[in-house]
Structure formats: structure tokens, C-alpha cells
Amino acid sequence: RELCPVKKGKLPNDIPFEFDFDLICTLDVIEHIEDDLESILSLKEKLTNKGKLVITVPAYKFLWSYHDIESHHKRRYTRKDLILVIKKSGMRVVYCSYFCTLLSPFFLLNRFLEKLQLKKRRYEEKLPPSFLNKFLQFTFKLENFFLPHLTLPFGVSIILVASKD
């Protein structure tokens, strides 16, 4: 649609844009990169003085599974881990919360059952049945309503907003 330029690049050191951004979003990206701090430092350099960085990552090392291996994840984070990396970069944490909290019990049960099977499971990327998809959409909309106003104490993902200033 040519709404914006799309270019091929690679973190941490190949960001192919000559200009700076007011907002950069890395939605489930940082966990795929060996050097997360170096990548965040590179992204920080591409922000304007008042720019913001939005990051989402998967939570909790104990949830590591074959899915993480298949997805080429290097790590999972705790809220504390992610905040520490941001502070090391010299950026200020504006907001940080777990999310996907309402679905955590289902996710935990699924991971537990996978571990009981003691085998690698291939993940198929397909839409869930309509009724389940509607339930998932509802839970995300409900959480999204509360997220800007509070921080959730646990969840299977983390969202963080950092500021360059």
C-alpha cells in the first residue's frame, strides 16, 4: 500500500533508515536476537529526542518449550530482566507490565501437558475454531482496557515502553 518505506535490515547493526523515529515497536522481536542490549542501543540511536520504544517479549524461563526452540528464541524474560536491559541502555522505563494474564492458566496447563508427553511437538500456525477465536479476542480486549491504567502482576508476555529522554 506504500504507506511507509519497508526495507530489509537486521538487528543490532543493520538498520537501513537514515532518519529517526518518534516511535519504534519491536513486537516479539528482541528475544530472537543474541545481543539484546546491543540491539536496544541501536534502536535508541534511531529515536528522536522525545522518541519512545515499545517492546513485547515472552515471559518466564520456566515456560521454555519446544515452541521456543522452533521459533528460534534465544531467551524468555521476567519483568525485572527486561527493565534491567533497558536501564543498561540508558533509556527510561515509562511503563512495564505483564500481559496475556487472563489466558495464563490455559497456557500453563498446555505447557504442563506438553512436558508430560516428553516429545517434540510440531506447531501448526492455523486459526482456532471461531468460538475459541472470539473468546481469545474478548480476553485480549478486556486486558487492553486495563493495561494503560495498571500493571498486571503476571502473564505469559511482557510489554514495556521506554523513553530516550
C-alpha atoms as a PDB file:
ATOM      1  CA  ARG A   1       0.000   0.000   0.000  1.00  0.00           C
ATOM      2  CA  GLU A   2       3.071   2.203   0.136  1.00  0.00           C
ATOM      3  CA  LEU A   3       2.062   3.739   3.466  1.00  0.00           C
ATOM      4  CA  CYS A   4       5.680   3.812   4.551  1.00  0.00           C
ATOM      5  CA  PRO A   5       9.033   2.605   3.322  1.00  0.00           C
ATOM      6  CA  VAL A   6       9.793  -1.054   4.017  1.00  0.00           C
ATOM      7  CA  LYS A   7      13.439  -2.065   3.990  1.00  0.00           C
ATOM      8  CA  LYS A   8      15.356  -5.183   4.870  1.00  0.00           C
ATOM      9  CA  GLY A   9      17.625  -4.847   7.890  1.00  0.00           C
ATOM     10  CA  LYS A  10      18.984  -6.801  10.799  1.00  0.00           C
ATOM     11  CA  LEU A  11      19.485  -6.005  14.460  1.00  0.00           C
ATOM     12  CA  PRO A  12      21.672  -4.955  16.037  1.00  0.00           C
ATOM     13  CA  ASN A  13      23.780  -3.154  13.444  1.00  0.00           C
ATOM     14  CA  ASP A  14      21.919  -3.026  10.144  1.00  0.00           C
ATOM     15  CA  ILE A  15      19.013  -0.592  10.495  1.00  0.00           C
ATOM     16  CA  PRO A  16      18.580   0.684   6.923  1.00  0.00           C
ATOM     17  CA  PHE A  17      16.951   4.062   7.658  1.00  0.00           C
ATOM     18  CA  GLU A  18      18.770   7.404   7.519  1.00  0.00           C
ATOM     19  CA  PHE A  19      16.131   9.248   9.576  1.00  0.00           C
ATOM     20  CA  ASP A  20      14.989   8.963  13.201  1.00  0.00           C
ATOM     21  CA  PHE A  21      11.612   7.850  14.525  1.00  0.00           C
ATOM     22  CA  ASP A  22       9.199   9.117  17.178  1.00  0.00           C
ATOM     23  CA  LEU A  23       8.096   5.537  17.823  1.00  0.00           C
ATOM     24  CA  ILE A  24       9.734   2.165  17.263  1.00  0.00           C
ATOM     25  CA  CYS A  25       7.866  -1.054  18.064  1.00  0.00           C
ATOM     26  CA  THR A  26       9.606  -4.397  18.449  1.00  0.00           C
ATOM     27  CA  LEU A  27       6.754  -6.792  18.990  1.00  0.00           C
ATOM     28  CA  ASP A  28       8.151 -10.212  19.884  1.00  0.00           C
ATOM     29  CA  VAL A  29      11.488  -9.461  18.216  1.00  0.00           C
ATOM     30  CA  ILE A  30      14.176  -8.914  20.873  1.00  0.00           C
ATOM     31  CA  GLU A  31      14.010 -12.500  22.174  1.00  0.00           C
ATOM     32  CA  HIS A  32      15.196 -13.701  18.760  1.00  0.00           C
ATOM     33  CA  ILE A  33      18.436 -11.690  18.837  1.00  0.00           C
ATOM     34  CA  GLU A  34      21.615 -12.897  20.529  1.00  0.00           C
ATOM     35  CA  ASP A  35      22.650  -9.481  21.875  1.00  0.00           C
ATOM     36  CA  ASP A  36      19.509  -7.805  23.167  1.00  0.00           C
ATOM     37  CA  LEU A  37      21.344  -4.870  24.792  1.00  0.00           C
ATOM     38  CA  GLU A  38      23.264  -4.012  21.628  1.00  0.00           C
ATOM     39  CA  SER A  39      20.017  -4.145  19.650  1.00  0.00           C
ATOM     40  CA  ILE A  40      18.236  -1.820  22.071  1.00  0.00           C
ATOM     41  CA  LEU A  41      21.193   0.587  21.925  1.00  0.00           C
ATOM     42  CA  SER A  42      20.944   0.580  18.105  1.00  0.00           C
ATOM     43  CA  LEU A  43      17.206   1.245  18.261  1.00  0.00           C
ATOM     44  CA  LYS A  44      17.771   4.031  20.801  1.00  0.00           C
ATOM     45  CA  GLU A  45      20.061   5.752  18.275  1.00  0.00           C
ATOM     46  CA  LYS A  46      17.224   5.744  15.727  1.00  0.00           C
ATOM     47  CA  LEU A  47      14.787   7.527  18.093  1.00  0.00           C
ATOM     48  CA  THR A  48      14.180  11.263  18.129  1.00  0.00           C
ATOM     49  CA  ASN A  49      14.926  13.056  21.420  1.00  0.00           C
ATOM     50  CA  LYS A  50      11.335  12.520  22.613  1.00  0.00           C
ATOM     51  CA  GLY A  51      11.035   9.118  20.918  1.00  0.00           C
ATOM     52  CA  LYS A  52       9.543   6.011  22.514  1.00  0.00           C
ATOM     53  CA  LEU A  53      10.410   2.334  22.149  1.00  0.00           C
ATOM     54  CA  VAL A  54       7.673  -0.277  22.632  1.00  0.00           C
ATOM     55  CA  ILE A  55       8.824  -3.833  23.286  1.00  0.00           C
ATOM     56  CA  THR A  56       6.881  -7.053  23.792  1.00  0.00           C
ATOM     57  CA  VAL A  57       8.605 -10.310  24.725  1.00  0.00           C
ATOM     58  CA  PRO A  58       7.608 -13.757  26.006  1.00  0.00           C
ATOM     59  CA  ALA A  59       7.745 -14.159  29.785  1.00  0.00           C
ATOM     60  CA  TYR A  60       9.281 -16.648  32.202  1.00  0.00           C
ATOM     61  CA  LYS A  61      12.163 -19.008  31.573  1.00  0.00           C
ATOM     62  CA  PHE A  62      10.231 -21.862  33.184  1.00  0.00           C
ATOM     63  CA  LEU A  63       7.794 -21.710  30.252  1.00  0.00           C
ATOM     64  CA  TRP A  64      10.588 -22.568  27.801  1.00  0.00           C
ATOM     65  CA  SER A  65       9.404 -25.292  25.435  1.00  0.00           C
ATOM     66  CA  TYR A  66       9.901 -26.802  22.039  1.00  0.00           C
ATOM     67  CA  HIS A  67       7.836 -23.916  20.679  1.00  0.00           C
ATOM     68  CA  ASP A  68      10.630 -21.520  21.739  1.00  0.00           C
ATOM     69  CA  ILE A  69      13.232 -23.679  20.019  1.00  0.00           C
ATOM     70  CA  GLU A  70      11.163 -23.933  16.871  1.00  0.00           C
ATOM     71  CA  SER A  71      10.619 -20.149  16.943  1.00  0.00           C
ATOM     72  CA  HIS A  72      14.381 -19.541  17.306  1.00  0.00           C
ATOM     73  CA  HIS A  73      14.050 -17.763  20.634  1.00  0.00           C
ATOM     74  CA  LYS A  74      17.271 -17.025  22.488  1.00  0.00           C
ATOM     75  CA  ARG A  75      15.559 -16.281  25.814  1.00  0.00           C
ATOM     76  CA  ARG A  76      12.399 -15.505  27.766  1.00  0.00           C
ATOM     77  CA  TYR A  77      12.262 -12.611  30.213  1.00  0.00           C
ATOM     78  CA  THR A  78      10.946 -11.626  33.589  1.00  0.00           C
ATOM     79  CA  ARG A  79       9.758  -8.061  34.057  1.00  0.00           C
ATOM     80  CA  LYS A  80      12.893  -7.411  36.131  1.00  0.00           C
ATOM     81  CA  ASP A  81      15.195  -8.820  33.393  1.00  0.00           C
ATOM     82  CA  LEU A  82      13.689  -6.609  30.693  1.00  0.00           C
ATOM     83  CA  ILE A  83      13.784  -3.481  32.851  1.00  0.00           C
ATOM     84  CA  LEU A  84      17.452  -4.157  33.638  1.00  0.00           C
ATOM     85  CA  VAL A  85      18.371  -4.332  29.934  1.00  0.00           C
ATOM     86  CA  ILE A  86      16.531  -1.059  29.265  1.00  0.00           C
ATOM     87  CA  LYS A  87      18.262   0.680  32.178  1.00  0.00           C
ATOM     88  CA  LYS A  88      21.660  -0.587  30.957  1.00  0.00           C
ATOM     89  CA  SER A  89      20.887   1.062  27.614  1.00  0.00           C
ATOM     90  CA  GLY A  90      20.436   4.412  29.348  1.00  0.00           C
ATOM     91  CA  MET A  91      16.755   4.621  28.484  1.00  0.00           C
ATOM     92  CA  ARG A  92      13.986   5.380  30.967  1.00  0.00           C
ATOM     93  CA  VAL A  93      11.188   2.875  31.584  1.00  0.00           C
ATOM     94  CA  VAL A  94       7.855   4.660  31.151  1.00  0.00           C
ATOM     95  CA  TYR A  95       5.648   1.606  31.620  1.00  0.00           C
ATOM     96  CA  CYS A  96       6.141  -2.128  32.045  1.00  0.00           C
ATOM     97  CA  SER A  97       3.582  -4.850  32.678  1.00  0.00           C
ATOM     98  CA  TYR A  98       2.916  -8.493  32.132  1.00  0.00           C
ATOM     99  CA  PHE A  99       0.002  -9.206  29.824  1.00  0.00           C
ATOM    100  CA  CYS A 100      -1.910 -12.178  28.486  1.00  0.00           C
ATOM    101  CA  THR A 101      -2.744 -12.667  32.150  1.00  0.00           C
ATOM    102  CA  LEU A 102      -6.283 -13.965  31.740  1.00  0.00           C
ATOM    103  CA  LEU A 103      -5.071 -16.719  29.426  1.00  0.00           C
ATOM    104  CA  SER A 104      -2.143 -17.706  31.677  1.00  0.00           C
ATOM    105  CA  PRO A 105      -3.914 -20.672  33.335  1.00  0.00           C
ATOM    106  CA  PHE A 106      -4.731 -22.201  29.933  1.00  0.00           C
ATOM    107  CA  PHE A 107      -1.214 -21.550  28.693  1.00  0.00           C
ATOM    108  CA  LEU A 108       0.333 -23.110  31.820  1.00  0.00           C
ATOM    109  CA  LEU A 109      -1.887 -26.171  31.536  1.00  0.00           C
ATOM    110  CA  ASN A 110      -0.954 -26.574  27.873  1.00  0.00           C
ATOM    111  CA  ARG A 111       2.786 -26.349  28.648  1.00  0.00           C
ATOM    112  CA  PHE A 112       2.415 -28.821  31.514  1.00  0.00           C
ATOM    113  CA  LEU A 113       0.629 -31.320  29.268  1.00  0.00           C
ATOM    114  CA  GLU A 114       3.308 -30.873  26.590  1.00  0.00           C
ATOM    115  CA  LYS A 115       6.035 -31.677  29.113  1.00  0.00           C
ATOM    116  CA  LEU A 116       4.157 -34.795  30.228  1.00  0.00           C
ATOM    117  CA  GLN A 117       4.198 -36.065  26.660  1.00  0.00           C
ATOM    118  CA  LEU A 118       8.007 -35.916  26.700  1.00  0.00           C
ATOM    119  CA  LYS A 119       8.197 -35.431  22.972  1.00  0.00           C
ATOM    120  CA  LYS A 120       8.720 -32.670  20.488  1.00  0.00           C
ATOM    121  CA  ARG A 121       5.507 -31.291  19.131  1.00  0.00           C
ATOM    122  CA  ARG A 122       5.224 -29.560  15.780  1.00  0.00           C
ATOM    123  CA  TYR A 123       3.310 -26.304  15.980  1.00  0.00           C
ATOM    124  CA  GLU A 124       0.883 -25.528  13.258  1.00  0.00           C
ATOM    125  CA  GLU A 125       0.006 -21.955  12.538  1.00  0.00           C
ATOM    126  CA  LYS A 126      -3.694 -22.012  11.863  1.00  0.00           C
ATOM    127  CA  LEU A 127      -6.683 -20.095  13.136  1.00  0.00           C
ATOM    128  CA  PRO A 128      -8.511 -21.631  16.070  1.00  0.00           C
ATOM    129  CA  PRO A 129     -12.201 -22.529  15.757  1.00  0.00           C
ATOM    130  CA  SER A 130     -14.456 -19.469  15.539  1.00  0.00           C
ATOM    131  CA  PHE A 131     -15.865 -19.754  19.087  1.00  0.00           C
ATOM    132  CA  LEU A 132     -12.367 -20.054  20.558  1.00  0.00           C
ATOM    133  CA  ASN A 133     -11.073 -17.174  18.461  1.00  0.00           C
ATOM    134  CA  LYS A 134     -13.932 -14.967  19.739  1.00  0.00           C
ATOM    135  CA  PHE A 135     -13.084 -15.926  23.331  1.00  0.00           C
ATOM    136  CA  LEU A 136      -9.398 -15.087  22.760  1.00  0.00           C
ATOM    137  CA  GLN A 137     -10.301 -11.739  21.194  1.00  0.00           C
ATOM    138  CA  PHE A 138     -12.576 -10.927  24.138  1.00  0.00           C
ATOM    139  CA  THR A 139      -9.871 -11.684  26.721  1.00  0.00           C
ATOM    140  CA  PHE A 140      -7.315  -9.535  24.892  1.00  0.00           C
ATOM    141  CA  LYS A 141      -9.786  -6.651  24.563  1.00  0.00           C
ATOM    142  CA  LEU A 142     -10.586  -6.883  28.266  1.00  0.00           C
ATOM    143  CA  GLU A 143      -6.913  -6.792  29.228  1.00  0.00           C
ATOM    144  CA  ASN A 144      -6.189  -3.987  26.774  1.00  0.00           C
ATOM    145  CA  PHE A 145      -8.838  -1.881  28.504  1.00  0.00           C
ATOM    146  CA  PHE A 146      -6.999  -2.178  31.848  1.00  0.00           C
ATOM    147  CA  LEU A 147      -3.360  -2.186  30.711  1.00  0.00           C
ATOM    148  CA  PRO A 148      -2.863   1.564  30.294  1.00  0.00           C
ATOM    149  CA  HIS A 149      -4.171   2.133  33.827  1.00  0.00           C
ATOM    150  CA  LEU A 150      -2.361  -0.531  35.833  1.00  0.00           C
ATOM    151  CA  THR A 151       0.369  -3.144  35.728  1.00  0.00           C
ATOM    152  CA  LEU A 152      -0.510  -6.808  35.845  1.00  0.00           C
ATOM    153  CA  PRO A 153       1.474  -8.990  38.287  1.00  0.00           C
ATOM    154  CA  PHE A 154       1.932 -11.952  35.920  1.00  0.00           C
ATOM    155  CA  GLY A 155       1.218 -13.083  32.386  1.00  0.00           C
ATOM    156  CA  VAL A 156       2.864 -15.013  29.598  1.00  0.00           C
ATOM    157  CA  SER A 157       4.126 -11.891  27.822  1.00  0.00           C
ATOM    158  CA  ILE A 158       5.604  -8.544  28.844  1.00  0.00           C
ATOM    159  CA  ILE A 159       5.066  -5.091  27.354  1.00  0.00           C
ATOM    160  CA  LEU A 160       7.492  -2.249  28.029  1.00  0.00           C
ATOM    161  CA  VAL A 161       7.530   1.360  26.893  1.00  0.00           C
ATOM    162  CA  ALA A 162      10.874   3.159  27.141  1.00  0.00           C
ATOM    163  CA  SER A 163      11.784   6.767  26.515  1.00  0.00           C
ATOM    164  CA  LYS A 164      15.033   8.176  25.246  1.00  0.00           C
ATOM    165  CA  ASP A 165      14.726  11.272  27.458  1.00  0.00           C
END
